[in-house]
Amino acid sequence: MTRILREADVERVIDMDAVVGAVAAAMRELGEGKAQNEPRRRAFAPGALLNVMFATYPGGECMGLKAYTVAAGKVRFLVTVFGLDGAMRALIEADKMGAYRTGAASAVAARALLPESSGPLTVALIGSGQQARTQALALSRVLSIGEMRVFSRDPAHREAFASEQSAALGVRVAAASSAEAAVRDADVVVTITTSTEPVLSADWVKVPSLIIGAGSNFPNRTELPADLVTRAQAVVVDQLAVARLESGDLIQAVGSGALAWERVTELGTVMAGGWKVPAEPGITLFESHGLALWDLAAASVVLPKAIEQGLGEEVSLF
């Protein structure tokens, strides 16, 4: 039987700690060569866009794909989960689940790439949309945060975000008056926007710090300037094959001669123990584009909980 889970079902059972743990395990398997992930493919039609991405996750006893369409200002996400025996296990509406897995990946990267810190950290968020909420939630689960600052172009949005997240996370969250005010002296900076041009200046970034570029997955979009990529002591990506296709920040840096792909490390390599935090302090950059493997990791913890609680509906297929 195949279980159909709708957004309301996912929202009732999804848990960030569980998703962070699953994404970490899946990335370790990817680094060890046990899991596989294929980059997103896009097909364009008049006024519409189809995106498809797929992976195998043996540790989660599943394989599958995410397909989503963009048309008339609406995005529709569907994750299809198969067991390792080939049987279709679930069809999951995956907007909420996708936001959680993207936030979880940033948390996994932060935990792996930051040196051990004895004191609370300052986190800056550029962007205050739905994805920024799950970035804040995920980072609050793995880091000791003294202050979180948020900047977005709309003052009302960033003020509302700061008030909402302070209450939700139990962390001081402040609305910054500018991107520079948010970024200056921050230990961790997350960009989660759809900008086509850099949203910060390299001069604002302190050493040491971790910069997470999580908003851009089109080659013609950039959130980070090329000179910041040049300054980075280490450049880590979710998957090199994906970055070569989708990382506007890195593609443009490579095109300008500011970066060579040989300098780039995959997060899976880090998780599998093939990379260590540099002894000398510096800027570490993590480029997050989104992997189908993360969707499967999230599904691997959402689906059992939904079944346990009797959520969704069962249909007979194949």
Protein backbone atom coordinates (compact mmCIF):
# COMPACT_ATOMS: atom_id res chain seq x y z
CA MET A 1 0.00 0.00 0.00
CA THR A 2 1.05 3.58 -0.68
CA ARG A 3 0.39 6.29 1.88
CA ILE A 4 -0.56 9.79 0.74
CA LEU A 5 0.48 12.55 3.14
CA ARG A 6 -0.75 16.09 2.70
CA GLU A 7 0.84 19.23 4.11
CA ALA A 8 -1.36 19.14 7.21
CA ASP A 9 -0.20 15.58 7.95
CA VAL A 10 3.46 16.53 7.56
CA GLU A 11 3.05 19.57 9.78
CA ARG A 12 1.63 17.43 12.59
CA VAL A 13 4.61 15.09 12.79
CA ILE A 14 7.70 16.83 11.42
CA ASP A 15 10.40 17.52 14.00
CA MET A 16 13.53 19.57 13.27
CA ASP A 17 15.85 17.57 15.53
CA ALA A 18 14.85 14.35 13.76
CA VAL A 19 15.31 15.91 10.32
CA VAL A 20 18.74 17.29 11.26
CA GLY A 21 19.80 13.83 12.42
CA ALA A 22 18.51 12.19 9.26
CA VAL A 23 20.17 14.72 6.94
CA ALA A 24 23.47 14.29 8.81
CA ALA A 25 23.28 10.50 8.45
CA ALA A 26 22.36 10.75 4.77
CA MET A 27 25.24 13.11 4.00
CA ARG A 28 27.64 10.79 5.79
CA GLU A 29 26.40 7.96 3.58
CA LEU A 30 26.84 10.14 0.50
CA GLY A 31 30.44 10.84 1.52
CA GLU A 32 31.06 7.15 2.08
CA GLY A 33 29.65 6.25 -1.33
CA LYS A 34 26.67 4.35 0.06
CA ALA A 35 23.94 6.85 -0.88
CA GLN A 36 23.62 8.43 -4.31
CA ASN A 37 22.20 11.77 -5.40
CA GLU A 38 21.49 13.10 -8.87
CA PRO A 39 21.34 16.86 -9.58
CA ARG A 40 18.08 18.65 -10.26
CA ARG A 41 16.92 18.73 -13.88
CA ARG A 42 14.67 21.45 -15.24
CA ALA A 43 12.32 21.55 -18.20
CA PHE A 44 10.76 24.82 -19.29
CA ALA A 45 7.35 25.35 -20.85
CA PRO A 46 5.50 28.60 -21.70
CA GLY A 47 4.77 30.14 -18.31
CA ALA A 48 5.79 27.03 -16.37
CA LEU A 49 8.80 25.12 -15.06
CA LEU A 50 9.18 21.45 -14.10
CA ASN A 51 11.96 20.41 -11.70
CA VAL A 52 12.91 16.79 -10.97
CA MET A 53 15.60 15.44 -8.62
CA PHE A 54 16.23 11.94 -7.27
CA ALA A 55 18.39 9.89 -4.91
CA THR A 56 18.89 6.63 -3.05
CA TYR A 57 19.27 6.48 0.74
CA PRO A 58 20.00 2.93 1.94
CA GLY A 59 20.28 4.00 5.57
CA GLY A 60 16.72 5.23 5.42
CA GLU A 61 15.67 2.11 3.53
CA CYS A 62 14.33 4.22 0.68
CA MET A 63 14.91 5.75 -2.71
CA GLY A 64 12.83 8.23 -4.62
CA LEU A 65 12.40 11.58 -6.24
CA LYS A 66 11.04 15.06 -5.77
CA ALA A 67 9.16 16.74 -8.59
CA TYR A 68 7.84 20.26 -8.40
CA THR A 69 6.26 22.74 -10.75
CA VAL A 70 6.34 26.52 -10.84
CA ALA A 71 3.44 28.13 -12.68
CA ALA A 72 1.15 31.14 -12.26
CA GLY A 73 3.01 32.19 -9.12
CA LYS A 74 2.43 28.85 -7.37
CA VAL A 75 4.90 26.09 -6.50
CA ARG A 76 3.71 22.51 -5.97
CA PHE A 77 6.08 19.97 -4.39
CA LEU A 78 5.66 16.19 -4.41
CA VAL A 79 8.09 13.63 -2.96
CA THR A 80 7.67 10.05 -4.13
CA VAL A 81 9.21 7.46 -1.81
CA PHE A 82 10.00 3.87 -2.82
CA GLY A 83 11.28 1.12 -0.57
CA LEU A 84 14.52 -0.62 -1.47
CA ASP A 85 12.33 -3.48 -2.73
CA GLY A 86 10.91 -1.12 -5.37
CA ALA A 87 7.46 -0.80 -3.82
CA MET A 88 5.99 2.70 -3.69
CA ARG A 89 5.69 3.63 -0.02
CA ALA A 90 4.46 7.21 -0.08
CA LEU A 91 3.42 10.31 -1.99
CA ILE A 92 4.11 13.37 0.16
CA GLU A 93 3.12 16.98 -0.37
CA ALA A 94 6.47 18.51 0.42
CA ASP A 95 6.48 22.30 0.83
CA LYS A 96 6.87 22.20 4.62
CA MET A 97 9.17 19.19 4.47
CA GLY A 98 11.38 20.93 1.91
CA ALA A 99 11.78 24.00 4.08
CA TYR A 100 12.71 21.82 7.05
CA ARG A 101 15.28 19.80 5.16
CA THR A 102 16.94 22.96 3.79
CA GLY A 103 17.22 24.40 7.28
CA ALA A 104 18.47 21.07 8.59
CA ALA A 105 21.25 20.99 5.99
CA SER A 106 22.50 24.39 7.19
CA ALA A 107 22.49 23.10 10.75
CA VAL A 108 24.43 19.99 9.74
CA ALA A 109 26.98 22.15 7.91
CA ALA A 110 27.30 24.61 10.80
CA ARG A 111 27.90 21.85 13.31
CA ALA A 112 30.52 20.22 11.07
CA LEU A 113 32.32 23.32 9.80
CA LEU A 114 32.48 25.58 12.85
CA PRO A 115 35.30 25.15 15.34
CA GLU A 116 34.22 24.37 18.88
CA SER A 117 33.10 27.57 20.55
CA SER A 118 33.04 28.28 24.25
CA GLY A 119 30.67 31.23 24.02
CA PRO A 120 27.34 32.17 22.43
CA LEU A 121 27.45 33.03 18.73
CA THR A 122 25.99 35.91 16.77
CA VAL A 123 23.99 34.75 13.75
CA ALA A 124 22.93 37.02 10.86
CA LEU A 125 20.09 36.16 8.51
CA ILE A 126 19.62 37.97 5.20
CA GLY A 127 16.03 37.18 4.22
CA SER A 128 12.87 36.90 6.30
CA GLY A 129 10.63 34.56 4.31
CA GLN A 130 9.37 31.07 5.14
CA GLN A 131 12.75 29.49 4.40
CA ALA A 132 14.43 31.93 6.80
CA ARG A 133 12.17 30.63 9.57
CA THR A 134 13.40 27.06 9.22
CA GLN A 135 17.00 28.27 8.92
CA ALA A 136 16.59 30.05 12.26
CA LEU A 137 14.88 27.05 13.84
CA ALA A 138 17.51 24.56 12.67
CA LEU A 139 20.49 26.68 13.70
CA SER A 140 18.94 27.28 17.11
CA ARG A 141 18.87 23.51 17.63
CA VAL A 142 22.62 22.98 17.09
CA LEU A 143 24.32 26.25 18.08
CA SER A 144 24.55 28.30 21.25
CA ILE A 145 23.17 31.62 19.96
CA GLY A 146 23.59 34.83 21.91
CA GLU A 147 21.90 37.02 19.30
CA MET A 148 20.28 36.55 15.92
CA ARG A 149 19.97 39.52 13.57
CA VAL A 150 17.70 39.61 10.55
CA PHE A 151 17.61 41.95 7.58
CA SER A 152 15.26 42.01 4.61
CA ARG A 153 14.18 44.83 2.33
CA ASP A 154 10.75 45.29 3.91
CA PRO A 155 11.05 46.83 7.41
CA ALA A 156 7.66 45.46 8.47
CA HIS A 157 8.62 41.94 7.42
CA ARG A 158 11.90 41.92 9.32
CA GLU A 159 10.34 43.44 12.43
CA ALA A 160 7.57 40.83 12.39
CA PHE A 161 10.12 38.05 11.81
CA ALA A 162 12.26 39.21 14.74
CA SER A 163 9.29 39.39 17.11
CA GLU A 164 7.90 36.03 16.01
CA GLN A 165 11.21 34.17 16.15
CA SER A 166 12.24 35.63 19.51
CA ALA A 167 9.09 34.16 20.99
CA ALA A 168 9.28 30.87 19.09
CA LEU A 169 12.98 30.11 19.67
CA GLY A 170 13.64 31.70 23.04
CA VAL A 171 16.57 33.54 21.47
CA ARG A 172 17.15 37.27 21.18
CA VAL A 173 16.30 38.13 17.56
CA ALA A 174 16.77 41.72 16.41
CA ALA A 175 15.69 43.41 13.18
CA ALA A 176 18.77 45.07 11.66
CA SER A 177 18.51 48.43 9.93
CA SER A 178 20.72 47.29 7.04
CA ALA A 179 22.43 44.20 5.68
CA GLU A 180 25.73 45.61 6.89
CA ALA A 181 24.39 46.09 10.42
CA ALA A 182 23.29 42.45 10.42
CA VAL A 183 26.52 41.02 9.05
CA ARG A 184 29.19 43.06 10.87
CA ASP A 185 30.88 40.96 13.60
CA ALA A 186 28.53 38.00 13.03
CA ASP A 187 30.00 34.53 13.59
CA VAL A 188 27.53 32.88 11.20
CA VAL A 189 25.88 34.58 8.23
CA VAL A 190 23.05 32.95 6.28
CA THR A 191 21.73 34.33 3.01
CA ILE A 192 18.33 32.92 2.10
CA THR A 193 17.01 35.13 -0.71
CA THR A 194 16.13 34.96 -4.40
CA SER A 195 18.44 37.85 -5.26
CA THR A 196 20.18 38.03 -8.63
CA GLU A 197 23.00 40.15 -7.21
CA PRO A 198 25.11 40.02 -4.02
CA VAL A 199 23.27 40.92 -0.83
CA LEU A 200 26.37 41.67 1.24
CA SER A 201 29.90 42.99 0.88
CA ALA A 202 33.02 40.95 1.58
CA ASP A 203 34.35 43.86 3.66
CA TRP A 204 31.57 43.35 6.22
CA VAL A 205 32.51 39.73 6.94
CA LYS A 206 34.70 39.11 9.96
CA VAL A 207 37.45 36.54 10.36
CA PRO A 208 36.74 33.87 11.46
CA SER A 209 33.17 33.23 10.39
CA LEU A 210 30.94 30.78 8.57
CA ILE A 211 28.94 32.01 5.58
CA ILE A 212 26.02 29.89 4.38
CA GLY A 213 24.64 30.73 0.94
CA ALA A 214 21.30 28.92 0.90
CA GLY A 215 19.06 30.91 -1.42
CA SER A 216 20.51 30.58 -4.91
CA ASN A 217 20.18 27.46 -7.07
CA PHE A 218 20.23 29.08 -10.51
CA PRO A 219 23.49 29.89 -12.34
CA ASN A 220 22.32 33.45 -13.05
CA ARG A 221 21.62 34.28 -9.40
CA THR A 222 24.22 35.40 -6.88
CA GLU A 223 23.91 36.18 -3.20
CA LEU A 224 27.63 36.43 -2.42
CA PRO A 225 30.31 38.56 -4.12
CA ALA A 226 33.24 36.94 -5.93
CA ASP A 227 35.77 38.64 -3.65
CA LEU A 228 34.20 36.92 -0.64
CA VAL A 229 34.65 33.58 -2.39
CA THR A 230 38.29 34.54 -2.96
CA ARG A 231 38.75 35.44 0.71
CA ALA A 232 37.25 32.17 1.91
CA GLN A 233 39.80 29.81 3.42
CA ALA A 234 37.53 26.85 2.66
CA VAL A 235 34.66 26.45 0.19
CA VAL A 236 32.26 23.57 0.87
CA VAL A 237 29.21 22.59 -1.21
CA ASP A 238 26.35 20.15 -0.73
CA GLN A 239 27.47 18.28 -3.87
CA LEU A 240 30.00 19.31 -6.51
CA ALA A 241 27.93 18.02 -9.44
CA VAL A 242 25.04 20.21 -8.28
CA ALA A 243 27.22 23.27 -7.64
CA ARG A 244 28.67 23.12 -11.15
CA LEU A 245 25.14 23.37 -12.54
CA GLU A 246 23.39 25.66 -10.07
CA SER A 247 25.73 27.71 -7.88
CA GLY A 248 25.58 31.20 -9.35
CA ASP A 249 27.97 32.38 -6.63
CA LEU A 250 30.64 29.83 -7.52
CA ILE A 251 30.03 29.58 -11.27
CA GLN A 252 30.55 33.32 -11.63
CA ALA A 253 33.58 33.24 -9.30
CA VAL A 254 35.13 30.46 -11.41
CA GLY A 255 34.34 32.42 -14.57
CA SER A 256 36.15 35.48 -13.24
CA GLY A 257 39.17 33.46 -12.11
CA ALA A 258 38.42 34.01 -8.42
CA LEU A 259 37.96 30.29 -7.74
CA ALA A 260 39.02 26.92 -9.14
CA TRP A 261 36.65 23.97 -8.72
CA GLU A 262 39.58 21.96 -7.35
CA ARG A 263 39.42 24.11 -4.20
CA VAL A 264 35.88 23.00 -3.44
CA THR A 265 35.06 20.28 -0.88
CA GLU A 266 31.79 18.35 -0.65
CA LEU A 267 29.85 18.28 2.61
CA GLY A 268 29.64 14.49 2.32
CA THR A 269 33.44 14.35 2.43
CA VAL A 270 33.39 16.46 5.59
CA MET A 271 30.76 14.24 7.22
CA ALA A 272 32.67 11.09 6.32
CA GLY A 273 35.81 12.41 8.05
CA GLY A 274 37.74 13.44 4.96
CA TRP A 275 38.13 17.11 5.96
CA LYS A 276 39.07 18.89 9.16
CA VAL A 277 38.41 22.41 10.37
CA PRO A 278 41.54 24.46 9.50
CA ALA A 279 43.86 25.14 12.41
CA GLU A 280 44.18 28.81 11.48
CA PRO A 281 41.03 30.94 11.74
CA GLY A 282 39.46 32.04 8.47
CA ILE A 283 36.25 32.38 6.52
CA THR A 284 34.46 29.14 5.63
CA LEU A 285 31.82 29.24 2.92
CA PHE A 286 29.05 26.64 2.57
CA GLU A 287 26.97 26.70 -0.60
CA SER A 288 23.61 24.94 -0.22
CA HIS A 289 21.53 24.27 -3.34
CA GLY A 290 19.24 21.47 -2.22
CA LEU A 291 19.54 17.70 -2.70
CA ALA A 292 16.89 15.06 -3.27
CA LEU A 293 18.80 13.03 -0.69
CA TRP A 294 17.71 15.56 1.94
CA ASP A 295 14.08 15.10 0.92
CA LEU A 296 14.42 11.35 1.36
CA ALA A 297 16.15 11.86 4.71
CA ALA A 298 13.27 14.02 5.89
CA ALA A 299 10.72 11.55 4.53
CA SER A 300 12.49 8.71 6.35
CA VAL A 301 11.56 10.27 9.71
CA VAL A 302 8.22 11.84 8.74
CA LEU A 303 6.64 8.76 7.19
CA PRO A 304 7.02 6.35 10.17
CA LYS A 305 5.57 8.95 12.54
CA ALA A 306 2.63 9.55 10.23
CA ILE A 307 1.96 5.83 9.98
CA GLU A 308 2.21 5.46 13.76
CA GLN A 309 -0.41 8.20 14.20
CA GLY A 310 -2.65 6.90 11.43
CA LEU A 311 -2.30 10.04 9.31
CA GLY A 312 -2.87 10.29 5.58
CA GLU A 313 -4.70 7.83 3.40
CA GLU A 314 -3.69 4.51 1.88
CA VAL A 315 -4.14 3.62 -1.77
CA SER A 316 -3.28 0.49 -3.67
CA LEU A 317 -0.89 1.09 -6.58
CA PHE A 318 0.96 -1.40 -8.76
